[in-house]
Amino acid sequence: MTDIKRIVLDVLKPHKPSLVEMSVRLSSLKGVDGVTCTLDEVDQETESVKVTIEGPSINYPSVEDALRELGAVIHSVDLVASGKRAVEDVRTGQDHR
């Protein structure tokens, strides 16, 4: 069993399927409780989307497969929270510069 609780991805996708379709598909994966897809940028043929996935046991290879089936590509993994629970970021003095 995996211990990923939250993952944030920068994804490039074609205009179709829609964000709604992509979100519903990802939220149907085993171990996923919820998905947020936020449109970041649009060009003539593609959309850049921030995808946040949360759940008790996210299977990253399943996420990769689902996105590939939708014609999307992961540009980067921007955040991963794993372990017994997700830990929130804490702002430090270095963050205020």
Protein backbone atom coordinates (compact mmCIF):
# COMPACT_ATOMS: atom_id res chain seq x y z
CA MET A 1 0.00 0.00 0.00
CA THR A 2 1.23 3.50 -0.85
CA ASP A 3 1.37 6.28 1.72
CA ILE A 4 0.91 9.30 -0.59
CA LYS A 5 -1.78 11.57 0.89
CA ARG A 6 -1.52 14.61 -1.41
CA ILE A 7 0.17 15.30 -4.71
CA VAL A 8 0.24 18.47 -6.82
CA LEU A 9 1.06 18.14 -10.50
CA ASP A 10 1.70 20.58 -13.33
CA VAL A 11 -0.09 18.95 -16.27
CA LEU A 12 -0.31 19.82 -19.96
CA LYS A 13 -3.50 18.57 -21.63
CA PRO A 14 -5.39 19.04 -24.88
CA HIS A 15 -8.59 21.14 -24.72
CA LYS A 16 -10.61 17.92 -24.72
CA PRO A 17 -11.35 16.21 -22.43
CA SER A 18 -12.60 19.08 -20.29
CA LEU A 19 -11.33 19.89 -16.80
CA VAL A 20 -14.58 18.42 -15.47
CA GLU A 21 -14.01 15.12 -17.27
CA MET A 22 -10.38 14.97 -16.16
CA SER A 23 -11.27 15.73 -12.54
CA VAL A 24 -14.04 13.12 -12.45
CA ARG A 25 -11.75 10.48 -14.00
CA LEU A 26 -8.96 11.13 -11.49
CA SER A 27 -11.37 11.23 -8.54
CA SER A 28 -12.63 7.75 -9.49
CA LEU A 29 -9.20 6.20 -8.88
CA LYS A 30 -8.83 3.90 -5.90
CA GLY A 31 -7.32 5.67 -2.89
CA VAL A 32 -8.38 9.14 -4.07
CA ASP A 33 -10.87 11.18 -2.00
CA GLY A 34 -10.81 14.40 -4.02
CA VAL A 35 -9.31 16.25 -6.96
CA THR A 36 -8.97 19.93 -7.82
CA CYS A 37 -8.03 20.95 -11.36
CA THR A 38 -7.14 24.62 -11.79
CA LEU A 39 -6.65 26.09 -15.24
CA ASP A 40 -3.35 27.97 -15.31
CA GLU A 41 -2.75 28.83 -18.96
CA VAL A 42 -4.40 28.26 -22.33
CA ASP A 43 -2.88 28.30 -25.78
CA GLN A 44 -4.22 27.36 -29.20
CA GLU A 45 -4.10 23.58 -28.71
CA THR A 46 -3.35 22.88 -25.04
CA GLU A 47 -4.10 23.86 -21.46
CA SER A 48 -1.71 24.00 -18.51
CA VAL A 49 -3.46 22.72 -15.39
CA LYS A 50 -2.53 22.49 -11.72
CA VAL A 51 -3.89 19.16 -10.45
CA THR A 52 -4.19 18.59 -6.70
CA ILE A 53 -5.12 15.08 -5.59
CA GLU A 54 -5.84 14.03 -2.01
CA GLY A 55 -6.70 10.69 -0.47
CA PRO A 56 -5.63 8.06 2.02
CA SER A 57 -3.58 6.04 -0.44
CA ILE A 58 -2.86 7.64 -3.82
CA ASN A 59 -1.25 5.30 -6.34
CA TYR A 60 0.99 7.55 -8.45
CA PRO A 61 1.39 5.06 -11.34
CA SER A 62 -2.42 4.89 -11.61
CA VAL A 63 -2.56 8.70 -11.77
CA GLU A 64 0.10 8.70 -14.51
CA ASP A 65 -1.82 6.05 -16.48
CA ALA A 66 -5.15 7.89 -16.17
CA LEU A 67 -3.61 11.17 -17.33
CA ARG A 68 -1.88 9.44 -20.25
CA GLU A 69 -5.22 7.88 -21.28
CA LEU A 70 -6.71 11.39 -21.28
CA GLY A 71 -3.92 12.64 -23.56
CA ALA A 72 -2.24 14.65 -20.80
CA VAL A 73 1.44 14.88 -19.85
CA ILE A 74 2.88 15.55 -16.38
CA HIS A 75 5.35 18.44 -16.64
CA SER A 76 6.36 18.33 -12.99
CA VAL A 77 5.51 17.00 -9.56
CA ASP A 78 5.29 20.19 -7.50
CA LEU A 79 4.32 18.79 -4.09
CA VAL A 80 4.07 15.38 -2.44
CA ALA A 81 2.75 14.71 1.07
CA SER A 82 3.23 11.19 2.37
CA GLY A 83 3.21 9.29 5.62
CA LYS A 84 0.46 8.69 8.13
CA ARG A 85 -1.04 12.15 7.46
CA ALA A 86 -0.50 15.16 5.22
CA VAL A 87 1.61 17.88 6.85
CA GLU A 88 0.91 21.50 5.93
CA ASP A 89 3.75 23.82 4.93
CA VAL A 90 4.92 26.20 7.64
CA ARG A 91 6.12 29.69 6.68
CA THR A 92 9.58 30.55 7.92
CA GLY A 93 11.68 33.72 7.92
CA GLN A 94 13.16 32.74 4.57
CA ASP A 95 9.68 32.72 3.01
CA HIS A 96 9.12 36.42 3.76
CA ARG A 97 12.02 37.79 1.72
